Amino acid sequence: MKISTSLYFDRSTEQLGTVQSKMAKTQEQLSTGLNVVKPSDEPDKAALITRLESQLARQVGFQNTLKAANVRLTAEEAALNGSSEVLYRVKELSVQAGNDTLNAQDRHSIALELKTLKAQLLSLANSQDSNGNYLFSGGKAAVPAFQADTIGNIQYQGDQSRMQVNIGDNRRLSLNMPGSDAYVRVLRDNGKGAKQGVDFFQSIDDLINGVEAGNKLDIQRGITEADVMQNGISTALGQVGADLSVIDMQNSVLDQLVLRIKSTKSDVQDLDYTDAITRMNKDQLALEAAQSSFAKISKLSLFNYIN
């Protein structure tokens, strides 16, 4: 192989360019703190990072869904707790109204308070979330759960739909509870040996009318039906409580999963500063040595030895 001045300069320039390129890459890594700055640096690692980022975004989405579900279910729990407390007061007043020592004026006063409690129950049953959606209307979130019909009877206007949301790769959760599952109908003897269903608020209206009239049979029936309605509220509370427990457990699972994904991503993507600085110093030394040797050798010539 014939070594010429041109070849030597070309090889030296190529070597210096390679070392400078490596230094530039290391400097870019140090400035960004990333081991893989561009996909072209390490395509396999870049692809893995993209997959990890996609998984991370998915899990974070599940976490956001859980936050929204927790807010809604907490609102449902508060409404049901309030309804349970009101029903306890309804039963207390009903028992009091059945006392033989009360006169018509006393029962009228009790009936007035019962009407107020009924209005409070209706307000709780028509509770809304922060977006203005009715909590207990099923799939008809824009419609109040309980409204008066054409003759003034308050009936359930929602449906039985339960909105399911994804809270994990293989986990779903009901976001709502139909009002008819919480504010249950009661079964009443129709006087002909058969049972008929009576709406939640109709039962309370019948109790109020019984108190106003001093009808002990209606009052006693109202007390019994209030127990049934109370059980319905308690069952609904139990379901909401179970769903809130699921949210807590799933949040814990997702927190651990997100932490693992972030840790794996960090191992692949984040720069080892000790290693990078060591490489930087090594490349800097190699560059200085190459530049020094090139400067000295490039000055050599046979003419320097001919006198």
C-alpha atoms as a PDB file:
ATOM      1  CA  MET A   1       0.000   0.000   0.000  1.00  0.00           C
ATOM      2  CA  LYS A   2       1.382   3.347  -0.979  1.00  0.00           C
ATOM      3  CA  ILE A   3       1.210   5.966   1.754  1.00  0.00           C
ATOM      4  CA  SER A   4       0.850   9.479   0.467  1.00  0.00           C
ATOM      5  CA  THR A   5       0.457  12.821   2.155  1.00  0.00           C
ATOM      6  CA  SER A   6      -3.151  12.987   0.924  1.00  0.00           C
ATOM      7  CA  LEU A   7      -3.998   9.600   2.420  1.00  0.00           C
ATOM      8  CA  TYR A   8      -2.442  10.544   5.712  1.00  0.00           C
ATOM      9  CA  PHE A   9      -4.401  13.770   5.917  1.00  0.00           C
ATOM     10  CA  ASP A  10      -7.655  12.000   4.967  1.00  0.00           C
ATOM     11  CA  ARG A  11      -7.163   9.289   7.608  1.00  0.00           C
ATOM     12  CA  SER A  12      -6.213  11.813  10.286  1.00  0.00           C
ATOM     13  CA  THR A  13      -9.216  13.985   9.492  1.00  0.00           C
ATOM     14  CA  GLU A  14     -11.525  10.938   9.639  1.00  0.00           C
ATOM     15  CA  GLN A  15     -10.077   9.883  13.006  1.00  0.00           C
ATOM     16  CA  LEU A  16     -10.417  13.364  14.469  1.00  0.00           C
ATOM     17  CA  GLY A  17     -13.987  13.598  13.160  1.00  0.00           C
ATOM     18  CA  THR A  18     -14.920  10.264  14.760  1.00  0.00           C
ATOM     19  CA  VAL A  19     -13.576  11.279  18.150  1.00  0.00           C
ATOM     20  CA  GLN A  20     -15.267  14.684  17.959  1.00  0.00           C
ATOM     21  CA  SER A  21     -18.563  13.034  17.000  1.00  0.00           C
ATOM     22  CA  LYS A  22     -18.364  10.722  20.024  1.00  0.00           C
ATOM     23  CA  MET A  23     -17.621  13.689  22.258  1.00  0.00           C
ATOM     24  CA  ALA A  24     -20.531  15.660  20.813  1.00  0.00           C
ATOM     25  CA  LYS A  25     -22.870  12.727  21.482  1.00  0.00           C
ATOM     26  CA  THR A  26     -21.635  12.417  25.077  1.00  0.00           C
ATOM     27  CA  GLN A  27     -22.018  16.169  25.600  1.00  0.00           C
ATOM     28  CA  GLU A  28     -25.594  15.991  24.289  1.00  0.00           C
ATOM     29  CA  GLN A  29     -26.337  13.125  26.701  1.00  0.00           C
ATOM     30  CA  LEU A  30     -24.882  15.094  29.621  1.00  0.00           C
ATOM     31  CA  SER A  31     -26.907  18.192  28.721  1.00  0.00           C
ATOM     32  CA  THR A  32     -30.212  16.261  28.471  1.00  0.00           C
ATOM     33  CA  GLY A  33     -29.593  13.635  31.139  1.00  0.00           C
ATOM     34  CA  LEU A  34     -30.792  10.984  28.676  1.00  0.00           C
ATOM     35  CA  ASN A  35     -28.972   7.908  27.479  1.00  0.00           C
ATOM     36  CA  VAL A  36     -31.058   7.788  24.286  1.00  0.00           C
ATOM     37  CA  VAL A  37     -31.471  11.310  22.945  1.00  0.00           C
ATOM     38  CA  LYS A  38     -32.661  10.391  19.432  1.00  0.00           C
ATOM     39  CA  PRO A  39     -34.222   7.138  18.167  1.00  0.00           C
ATOM     40  CA  SER A  40     -31.308   6.770  15.769  1.00  0.00           C
ATOM     41  CA  ASP A  41     -28.893   6.522  18.710  1.00  0.00           C
ATOM     42  CA  GLU A  42     -30.209   3.098  19.783  1.00  0.00           C
ATOM     43  CA  PRO A  43     -33.340   2.031  17.852  1.00  0.00           C
ATOM     44  CA  ASP A  44     -34.053  -1.013  20.043  1.00  0.00           C
ATOM     45  CA  LYS A  45     -33.969   1.010  23.258  1.00  0.00           C
ATOM     46  CA  ALA A  46     -35.969   3.828  21.642  1.00  0.00           C
ATOM     47  CA  ALA A  47     -38.696   1.323  20.706  1.00  0.00           C
ATOM     48  CA  LEU A  48     -38.734  -0.059  24.260  1.00  0.00           C
ATOM     49  CA  ILE A  49     -39.024   3.453  25.702  1.00  0.00           C
ATOM     50  CA  THR A  50     -41.973   4.173  23.403  1.00  0.00           C
ATOM     51  CA  ARG A  51     -43.742   1.008  24.565  1.00  0.00           C
ATOM     52  CA  LEU A  52     -43.086   1.862  28.209  1.00  0.00           C
ATOM     53  CA  GLU A  53     -44.410   5.404  27.725  1.00  0.00           C
ATOM     54  CA  SER A  54     -47.564   3.985  26.132  1.00  0.00           C
ATOM     55  CA  GLN A  55     -48.067   1.599  29.063  1.00  0.00           C
ATOM     56  CA  LEU A  56     -47.438   4.410  31.524  1.00  0.00           C
ATOM     57  CA  ALA A  57     -49.982   6.695  29.834  1.00  0.00           C
ATOM     58  CA  ARG A  58     -52.546   3.880  29.941  1.00  0.00           C
ATOM     59  CA  GLN A  59     -52.053   3.265  33.668  1.00  0.00           C
ATOM     60  CA  VAL A  60     -52.180   6.994  34.420  1.00  0.00           C
ATOM     61  CA  GLY A  61     -55.464   7.093  32.491  1.00  0.00           C
ATOM     62  CA  PHE A  62     -56.822   4.363  34.747  1.00  0.00           C
ATOM     63  CA  GLN A  63     -55.704   6.356  37.794  1.00  0.00           C
ATOM     64  CA  ASN A  64     -57.553   9.438  36.532  1.00  0.00           C
ATOM     65  CA  THR A  65     -60.664   7.340  35.978  1.00  0.00           C
ATOM     66  CA  LEU A  66     -60.407   6.046  39.543  1.00  0.00           C
ATOM     67  CA  LYS A  67     -60.183   9.609  40.857  1.00  0.00           C
ATOM     68  CA  ALA A  68     -63.365  10.570  39.002  1.00  0.00           C
ATOM     69  CA  ALA A  69     -65.118   7.387  40.152  1.00  0.00           C
ATOM     70  CA  ASN A  70     -64.068   8.012  43.750  1.00  0.00           C
ATOM     71  CA  VAL A  71     -65.536  11.532  43.653  1.00  0.00           C
ATOM     72  CA  ARG A  72     -68.835  10.267  42.263  1.00  0.00           C
ATOM     73  CA  LEU A  73     -69.149   7.281  44.595  1.00  0.00           C
ATOM     74  CA  THR A  74     -68.263   9.443  47.584  1.00  0.00           C
ATOM     75  CA  ALA A  75     -71.102  11.784  46.595  1.00  0.00           C
ATOM     76  CA  GLU A  76     -73.455   8.786  46.334  1.00  0.00           C
ATOM     77  CA  GLU A  77     -72.319   7.582  49.745  1.00  0.00           C
ATOM     78  CA  ALA A  78     -72.994  11.005  51.282  1.00  0.00           C
ATOM     79  CA  ALA A  79     -76.489  11.137  49.739  1.00  0.00           C
ATOM     80  CA  LEU A  80     -77.337   7.636  50.943  1.00  0.00           C
ATOM     81  CA  ASN A  81     -75.992   8.317  54.431  1.00  0.00           C
ATOM     82  CA  GLY A  82     -78.131  11.443  54.577  1.00  0.00           C
ATOM     83  CA  SER A  83     -81.175   9.477  53.397  1.00  0.00           C
ATOM     84  CA  SER A  84     -80.562   6.827  56.042  1.00  0.00           C
ATOM     85  CA  GLU A  85     -80.452   9.444  58.794  1.00  0.00           C
ATOM     86  CA  VAL A  86     -83.672  11.036  57.526  1.00  0.00           C
ATOM     87  CA  LEU A  87     -85.420   7.660  57.480  1.00  0.00           C
ATOM     88  CA  TYR A  88     -84.386   7.039  61.070  1.00  0.00           C
ATOM     89  CA  ARG A  89     -86.080  10.299  61.990  1.00  0.00           C
ATOM     90  CA  VAL A  90     -89.157   9.297  59.950  1.00  0.00           C
ATOM     91  CA  LYS A  91     -89.451   6.084  61.963  1.00  0.00           C
ATOM     92  CA  GLU A  92     -89.007   7.936  65.260  1.00  0.00           C
ATOM     93  CA  LEU A  93     -91.801  10.344  64.380  1.00  0.00           C
ATOM     94  CA  SER A  94     -94.014   7.503  63.158  1.00  0.00           C
ATOM     95  CA  VAL A  95     -93.634   5.635  66.422  1.00  0.00           C
ATOM     96  CA  GLN A  96     -94.346   8.848  68.293  1.00  0.00           C
ATOM     97  CA  ALA A  97     -97.452   9.489  66.169  1.00  0.00           C
ATOM     98  CA  GLY A  98     -98.831   6.089  67.173  1.00  0.00           C
ATOM     99  CA  ASN A  99     -98.954   7.145  70.820  1.00  0.00           C
ATOM    100  CA  ASP A 100    -102.551   7.297  72.108  1.00  0.00           C
ATOM    101  CA  THR A 101    -101.788  10.339  74.269  1.00  0.00           C
ATOM    102  CA  LEU A 102    -101.327  12.612  71.237  1.00  0.00           C
ATOM    103  CA  ASN A 103    -104.154  14.812  70.059  1.00  0.00           C
ATOM    104  CA  ALA A 104    -104.971  15.964  66.534  1.00  0.00           C
ATOM    105  CA  GLN A 105    -102.795  19.076  66.836  1.00  0.00           C
ATOM    106  CA  ASP A 106     -99.799  17.005  67.950  1.00  0.00           C
ATOM    107  CA  ARG A 107    -100.205  14.628  65.017  1.00  0.00           C
ATOM    108  CA  HIS A 108    -100.563  17.572  62.643  1.00  0.00           C
ATOM    109  CA  SER A 109     -97.226  18.930  63.858  1.00  0.00           C
ATOM    110  CA  ILE A 110     -95.619  15.526  63.331  1.00  0.00           C
ATOM    111  CA  ALA A 111     -97.125  15.341  59.838  1.00  0.00           C
ATOM    112  CA  LEU A 112     -95.629  18.743  59.000  1.00  0.00           C
ATOM    113  CA  GLU A 113     -92.172  17.551  60.018  1.00  0.00           C
ATOM    114  CA  LEU A 114     -92.658  14.345  58.037  1.00  0.00           C
ATOM    115  CA  LYS A 115     -93.459  16.433  54.946  1.00  0.00           C
ATOM    116  CA  THR A 116     -90.243  18.357  55.472  1.00  0.00           C
ATOM    117  CA  LEU A 117     -88.327  15.089  55.810  1.00  0.00           C
ATOM    118  CA  LYS A 118     -89.935  13.803  52.604  1.00  0.00           C
ATOM    119  CA  ALA A 119     -88.749  16.925  50.761  1.00  0.00           C
ATOM    120  CA  GLN A 120     -85.272  16.371  52.173  1.00  0.00           C
ATOM    121  CA  LEU A 121     -85.299  12.747  51.001  1.00  0.00           C
ATOM    122  CA  LEU A 122     -86.386  13.867  47.533  1.00  0.00           C
ATOM    123  CA  SER A 123     -83.536  16.370  47.418  1.00  0.00           C
ATOM    124  CA  LEU A 124     -81.018  13.704  48.424  1.00  0.00           C
ATOM    125  CA  ALA A 125     -82.407  11.228  45.896  1.00  0.00           C
ATOM    126  CA  ASN A 126     -81.964  13.888  43.198  1.00  0.00           C
ATOM    127  CA  SER A 127     -78.381  14.726  44.184  1.00  0.00           C
ATOM    128  CA  GLN A 128     -76.046  15.797  41.385  1.00  0.00           C
ATOM    129  CA  ASP A 129     -72.329  15.433  40.820  1.00  0.00           C
ATOM    130  CA  SER A 130     -69.904  18.281  40.062  1.00  0.00           C
ATOM    131  CA  ASN A 131     -70.858  18.110  36.367  1.00  0.00           C
ATOM    132  CA  GLY A 132     -74.556  18.503  37.071  1.00  0.00           C
ATOM    133  CA  ASN A 133     -75.402  14.856  36.351  1.00  0.00           C
ATOM    134  CA  TYR A 134     -77.984  13.209  38.584  1.00  0.00           C
ATOM    135  CA  LEU A 135     -76.374  10.468  40.655  1.00  0.00           C
ATOM    136  CA  PHE A 136     -79.284   8.044  40.797  1.00  0.00           C
ATOM    137  CA  SER A 137     -80.866   8.395  37.338  1.00  0.00           C
ATOM    138  CA  GLY A 138     -79.056   5.448  35.758  1.00  0.00           C
ATOM    139  CA  GLY A 139     -78.248   6.189  32.128  1.00  0.00           C
ATOM    140  CA  LYS A 140     -80.527   9.275  32.077  1.00  0.00           C
ATOM    141  CA  ALA A 141     -78.010  11.426  33.913  1.00  0.00           C
ATOM    142  CA  ALA A 142     -79.565  14.696  32.699  1.00  0.00           C
ATOM    143  CA  VAL A 143     -82.990  13.837  34.161  1.00  0.00           C
ATOM    144  CA  PRO A 144     -83.855  14.078  37.880  1.00  0.00           C
ATOM    145  CA  ALA A 145     -84.148  10.580  39.313  1.00  0.00           C
ATOM    146  CA  PHE A 146     -87.509  11.193  41.010  1.00  0.00           C
ATOM    147  CA  GLN A 147     -90.205  13.531  39.722  1.00  0.00           C
ATOM    148  CA  ALA A 148     -93.923  13.998  40.176  1.00  0.00           C
ATOM    149  CA  ASP A 149     -96.142  12.548  37.469  1.00  0.00           C
ATOM    150  CA  THR A 150     -99.271  14.207  36.075  1.00  0.00           C
ATOM    151  CA  ILE A 151    -101.289  13.461  39.211  1.00  0.00           C
ATOM    152  CA  GLY A 152     -98.560  14.492  41.625  1.00  0.00           C
ATOM    153  CA  ASN A 153     -97.166  11.090  42.586  1.00  0.00           C
ATOM    154  CA  ILE A 154     -93.374  11.034  42.806  1.00  0.00           C
ATOM    155  CA  GLN A 155     -91.966   8.187  40.719  1.00  0.00           C
ATOM    156  CA  TYR A 156     -88.590   7.043  39.478  1.00  0.00           C
ATOM    157  CA  GLN A 157     -87.851   8.623  36.078  1.00  0.00           C
ATOM    158  CA  GLY A 158     -84.425   7.114  35.415  1.00  0.00           C
ATOM    159  CA  ASP A 159     -83.539   3.707  34.016  1.00  0.00           C
ATOM    160  CA  GLN A 160     -81.664   0.620  35.195  1.00  0.00           C
ATOM    161  CA  SER A 161     -78.451   1.284  33.259  1.00  0.00           C
ATOM    162  CA  ARG A 162     -75.145   0.968  35.059  1.00  0.00           C
ATOM    163  CA  MET A 163     -72.195   2.796  33.538  1.00  0.00           C
ATOM    164  CA  GLN A 164     -69.101   0.598  33.469  1.00  0.00           C
ATOM    165  CA  VAL A 165     -65.624   2.139  33.346  1.00  0.00           C
ATOM    166  CA  ASN A 166     -62.219   0.517  32.873  1.00  0.00           C
ATOM    167  CA  ILE A 167     -60.031   0.825  35.955  1.00  0.00           C
ATOM    168  CA  GLY A 168     -57.370  -1.653  34.836  1.00  0.00           C
ATOM    169  CA  ASP A 169     -56.336  -3.778  31.904  1.00  0.00           C
ATOM    170  CA  ASN A 170     -58.768  -6.484  33.040  1.00  0.00           C
ATOM    171  CA  ARG A 171     -60.910  -4.666  35.611  1.00  0.00           C
ATOM    172  CA  ARG A 172     -64.173  -2.718  35.294  1.00  0.00           C
ATOM    173  CA  LEU A 173     -66.250  -0.860  37.860  1.00  0.00           C
ATOM    174  CA  SER A 174     -69.854   0.345  37.998  1.00  0.00           C
ATOM    175  CA  LEU A 175     -69.867   4.121  38.196  1.00  0.00           C
ATOM    176  CA  ASN A 176     -73.482   4.625  39.188  1.00  0.00           C
ATOM    177  CA  MET A 177     -76.437   3.086  40.986  1.00  0.00           C
ATOM    178  CA  PRO A 178     -80.017   3.336  39.688  1.00  0.00           C
ATOM    179  CA  GLY A 179     -82.259   5.118  42.159  1.00  0.00           C
ATOM    180  CA  SER A 180     -84.741   2.259  42.116  1.00  0.00           C
ATOM    181  CA  ASP A 181     -82.035   0.019  43.619  1.00  0.00           C
ATOM    182  CA  ALA A 182     -81.505   2.394  46.540  1.00  0.00           C
ATOM    183  CA  TYR A 183     -84.899   4.012  47.089  1.00  0.00           C
ATOM    184  CA  VAL A 184     -86.739   0.727  46.779  1.00  0.00           C
ATOM    185  CA  ARG A 185     -90.406  -0.012  46.265  1.00  0.00           C
ATOM    186  CA  VAL A 186     -92.210  -1.819  49.058  1.00  0.00           C
ATOM    187  CA  LEU A 187     -94.644  -4.730  48.817  1.00  0.00           C
ATOM    188  CA  ARG A 188     -98.017  -4.121  50.395  1.00  0.00           C
ATOM    189  CA  ASP A 189    -101.066  -6.310  50.908  1.00  0.00           C
ATOM    190  CA  ASN A 190    -103.775  -5.005  48.592  1.00  0.00           C
ATOM    191  CA  GLY A 191    -106.527  -6.338  50.818  1.00  0.00           C
ATOM    192  CA  LYS A 192    -107.348  -9.149  48.415  1.00  0.00           C
ATOM    193  CA  GLY A 193    -104.672 -11.582  49.524  1.00  0.00           C
ATOM    194  CA  ALA A 194    -102.143 -10.367  46.961  1.00  0.00           C
ATOM    195  CA  LYS A 195     -99.109  -8.115  47.090  1.00  0.00           C
ATOM    196  CA  GLN A 196     -98.640  -4.899  45.167  1.00  0.00           C
ATOM    197  CA  GLY A 197     -95.611  -2.717  44.738  1.00  0.00           C
ATOM    198  CA  VAL A 198     -95.683   0.798  46.134  1.00  0.00           C
ATOM    199  CA  ASP A 199     -93.160   3.484  45.246  1.00  0.00           C
ATOM    200  CA  PHE A 200     -90.765   4.773  47.889  1.00  0.00           C
ATOM    201  CA  PHE A 201     -92.241   8.258  48.133  1.00  0.00           C
ATOM    202  CA  GLN A 202     -95.817   7.011  47.792  1.00  0.00           C
ATOM    203  CA  SER A 203     -95.266   4.945  50.936  1.00  0.00           C
ATOM    204  CA  ILE A 204     -94.101   8.051  52.787  1.00  0.00           C
ATOM    205  CA  ASP A 205     -97.101  10.027  51.515  1.00  0.00           C
ATOM    206  CA  ASP A 206     -99.430   7.291  52.783  1.00  0.00           C
ATOM    207  CA  LEU A 207     -97.670   7.404  56.153  1.00  0.00           C
ATOM    208  CA  ILE A 208     -98.088  11.180  56.365  1.00  0.00           C
ATOM    209  CA  ASN A 209    -101.784  10.884  55.509  1.00  0.00           C
ATOM    210  CA  GLY A 210    -102.170   8.168  58.150  1.00  0.00           C
ATOM    211  CA  VAL A 211    -100.558  10.409  60.783  1.00  0.00           C
ATOM    212  CA  GLU A 212    -102.788  13.349  59.797  1.00  0.00           C
ATOM    213  CA  ALA A 213    -105.886  11.157  60.092  1.00  0.00           C
ATOM    214  CA  GLY A 214    -104.717   9.375  63.231  1.00  0.00           C
ATOM    215  CA  ASN A 215    -105.120   6.007  61.479  1.00  0.00           C
ATOM    216  CA  LYS A 216    -103.080   3.606  63.581  1.00  0.00           C
ATOM    217  CA  LEU A 217    -103.166   0.836  60.969  1.00  0.00           C
ATOM    218  CA  ASP A 218    -101.694   3.134  58.353  1.00  0.00           C
ATOM    219  CA  ILE A 219     -99.116   4.413  60.840  1.00  0.00           C
ATOM    220  CA  GLN A 220     -98.060   0.879  61.799  1.00  0.00           C
ATOM    221  CA  ARG A 221     -97.889  -0.124  58.138  1.00  0.00           C
ATOM    222  CA  GLY A 222     -95.760   2.968  57.453  1.00  0.00           C
ATOM    223  CA  ILE A 223     -93.339   2.019  60.245  1.00  0.00           C
ATOM    224  CA  THR A 224     -92.972  -1.480  58.785  1.00  0.00           C
ATOM    225  CA  GLU A 225     -92.448  -0.115  55.277  1.00  0.00           C
ATOM    226  CA  ALA A 226     -89.918   2.428  56.584  1.00  0.00           C
ATOM    227  CA  ASP A 227     -87.875  -0.521  57.863  1.00  0.00           C
ATOM    228  CA  VAL A 228     -87.948  -2.054  54.372  1.00  0.00           C
ATOM    229  CA  MET A 229     -86.880   1.251  52.813  1.00  0.00           C
ATOM    230  CA  GLN A 230     -84.138   1.603  55.403  1.00  0.00           C
ATOM    231  CA  ASN A 231     -82.839  -1.855  54.493  1.00  0.00           C
ATOM    232  CA  GLY A 232     -82.801  -0.822  50.834  1.00  0.00           C
ATOM    233  CA  ILE A 233     -80.704   2.239  51.646  1.00  0.00           C
ATOM    234  CA  SER A 234     -78.381   0.139  53.819  1.00  0.00           C
ATOM    235  CA  THR A 235     -77.881  -2.405  51.029  1.00  0.00           C
ATOM    236  CA  ALA A 236     -77.103   0.394  48.578  1.00  0.00           C
ATOM    237  CA  LEU A 237     -74.615   1.873  51.049  1.00  0.00           C
ATOM    238  CA  GLY A 238     -72.944  -1.510  51.362  1.00  0.00           C
ATOM    239  CA  GLN A 239     -72.564  -1.721  47.567  1.00  0.00           C
ATOM    240  CA  VAL A 240     -71.101   1.783  47.345  1.00  0.00           C
ATOM    241  CA  GLY A 241     -68.746   0.998  50.217  1.00  0.00           C
ATOM    242  CA  ALA A 242     -67.580  -2.156  48.433  1.00  0.00           C
ATOM    243  CA  ASP A 243     -66.949  -0.167  45.234  1.00  0.00           C
ATOM    244  CA  LEU A 244     -64.939   2.415  47.169  1.00  0.00           C
ATOM    245  CA  SER A 245     -62.850  -0.403  48.648  1.00  0.00           C
ATOM    246  CA  VAL A 246     -62.206  -1.699  45.123  1.00  0.00           C
ATOM    247  CA  ILE A 247     -61.018   1.786  44.152  1.00  0.00           C
ATOM    248  CA  ASP A 248     -58.597   1.886  47.083  1.00  0.00           C
ATOM    249  CA  MET A 249     -57.174  -1.548  46.251  1.00  0.00           C
ATOM    250  CA  GLN A 250     -56.918  -0.801  42.531  1.00  0.00           C
ATOM    251  CA  ASN A 251     -55.181   2.507  43.252  1.00  0.00           C
ATOM    252  CA  SER A 252     -52.593   0.604  45.253  1.00  0.00           C
ATOM    253  CA  VAL A 253     -52.096  -1.886  42.399  1.00  0.00           C
ATOM    254  CA  LEU A 254     -51.744   0.896  39.828  1.00  0.00           C
ATOM    255  CA  ASP A 255     -49.338   2.869  42.016  1.00  0.00           C
ATOM    256  CA  GLN A 256     -47.019  -0.149  42.186  1.00  0.00           C
ATOM    257  CA  LEU A 257     -47.363  -0.817  38.458  1.00  0.00           C
ATOM    258  CA  VAL A 258     -46.642   2.806  37.537  1.00  0.00           C
ATOM    259  CA  LEU A 259     -43.610   2.773  39.817  1.00  0.00           C
ATOM    260  CA  ARG A 260     -42.266  -0.380  38.104  1.00  0.00           C
ATOM    261  CA  ILE A 261     -42.799   1.076  34.640  1.00  0.00           C
ATOM    262  CA  LYS A 262     -41.100   4.328  35.586  1.00  0.00           C
ATOM    263  CA  SER A 263     -38.196   2.419  37.120  1.00  0.00           C
ATOM    264  CA  THR A 264     -37.768   0.288  33.990  1.00  0.00           C
ATOM    265  CA  LYS A 265     -37.974   3.349  31.771  1.00  0.00           C
ATOM    266  CA  SER A 266     -35.411   5.133  33.922  1.00  0.00           C
ATOM    267  CA  ASP A 267     -33.019   2.184  33.649  1.00  0.00           C
ATOM    268  CA  VAL A 268     -33.259   2.299  29.853  1.00  0.00           C
ATOM    269  CA  GLN A 269     -33.513   6.025  29.235  1.00  0.00           C
ATOM    270  CA  ASP A 270     -31.694   7.882  32.000  1.00  0.00           C
ATOM    271  CA  LEU A 271     -27.999   8.594  31.711  1.00  0.00           C
ATOM    272  CA  ASP A 272     -25.330   7.129  33.987  1.00  0.00           C
ATOM    273  CA  TYR A 273     -23.469  10.354  34.673  1.00  0.00           C
ATOM    274  CA  THR A 274     -20.389   8.607  36.100  1.00  0.00           C
ATOM    275  CA  ASP A 275     -19.992   6.480  33.000  1.00  0.00           C
ATOM    276  CA  ALA A 276     -20.685   9.418  30.668  1.00  0.00           C
ATOM    277  CA  ILE A 277     -18.159  11.723  32.364  1.00  0.00           C
ATOM    278  CA  THR A 278     -15.545   8.953  32.265  1.00  0.00           C
ATOM    279  CA  ARG A 279     -16.164   8.485  28.528  1.00  0.00           C
ATOM    280  CA  MET A 280     -16.048  12.232  28.030  1.00  0.00           C
ATOM    281  CA  ASN A 281     -12.669  12.523  29.693  1.00  0.00           C
ATOM    282  CA  LYS A 282     -11.346   9.526  27.741  1.00  0.00           C
ATOM    283  CA  ASP A 283     -12.509  10.970  24.418  1.00  0.00           C
ATOM    284  CA  GLN A 284     -11.127  14.375  25.339  1.00  0.00           C
ATOM    285  CA  LEU A 285      -7.718  12.849  26.046  1.00  0.00           C
ATOM    286  CA  ALA A 286      -7.827  10.836  22.787  1.00  0.00           C
ATOM    287  CA  LEU A 287      -8.760  13.964  20.827  1.00  0.00           C
ATOM    288  CA  GLU A 288      -5.958  16.014  22.327  1.00  0.00           C
ATOM    289  CA  ALA A 289      -3.444  13.219  21.628  1.00  0.00           C
ATOM    290  CA  ALA A 290      -4.635  12.863  18.026  1.00  0.00           C
ATOM    291  CA  GLN A 291      -4.515  16.593  17.444  1.00  0.00           C
ATOM    292  CA  SER A 292      -1.008  16.837  18.936  1.00  0.00           C
ATOM    293  CA  SER A 293       0.364  13.910  16.909  1.00  0.00           C
ATOM    294  CA  PHE A 294      -1.238  15.191  13.720  1.00  0.00           C
ATOM    295  CA  ALA A 295       0.251  18.621  14.233  1.00  0.00           C
ATOM    296  CA  LYS A 296       3.745  17.181  14.696  1.00  0.00           C
ATOM    297  CA  ILE A 297       3.657  14.577  11.935  1.00  0.00           C
ATOM    298  CA  SER A 298       2.110  16.922   9.397  1.00  0.00           C
ATOM    299  CA  LYS A 299       5.217  19.114   9.637  1.00  0.00           C
ATOM    300  CA  LEU A 300       7.653  16.284   8.732  1.00  0.00           C
ATOM    301  CA  SER A 301       9.164  16.250   5.225  1.00  0.00           C
ATOM    302  CA  LEU A 302      12.176  14.610   3.507  1.00  0.00           C
ATOM    303  CA  PHE A 303      13.349  18.066   2.585  1.00  0.00           C
ATOM    304  CA  ASN A 304      14.043  18.673   6.277  1.00  0.00           C
ATOM    305  CA  TYR A 305      16.816  16.054   6.068  1.00  0.00           C
ATOM    306  CA  ILE A 306      18.413  17.154   2.742  1.00  0.00           C
ATOM    307  CA  ASN A 307      21.191  19.650   3.056  1.00  0.00           C
END
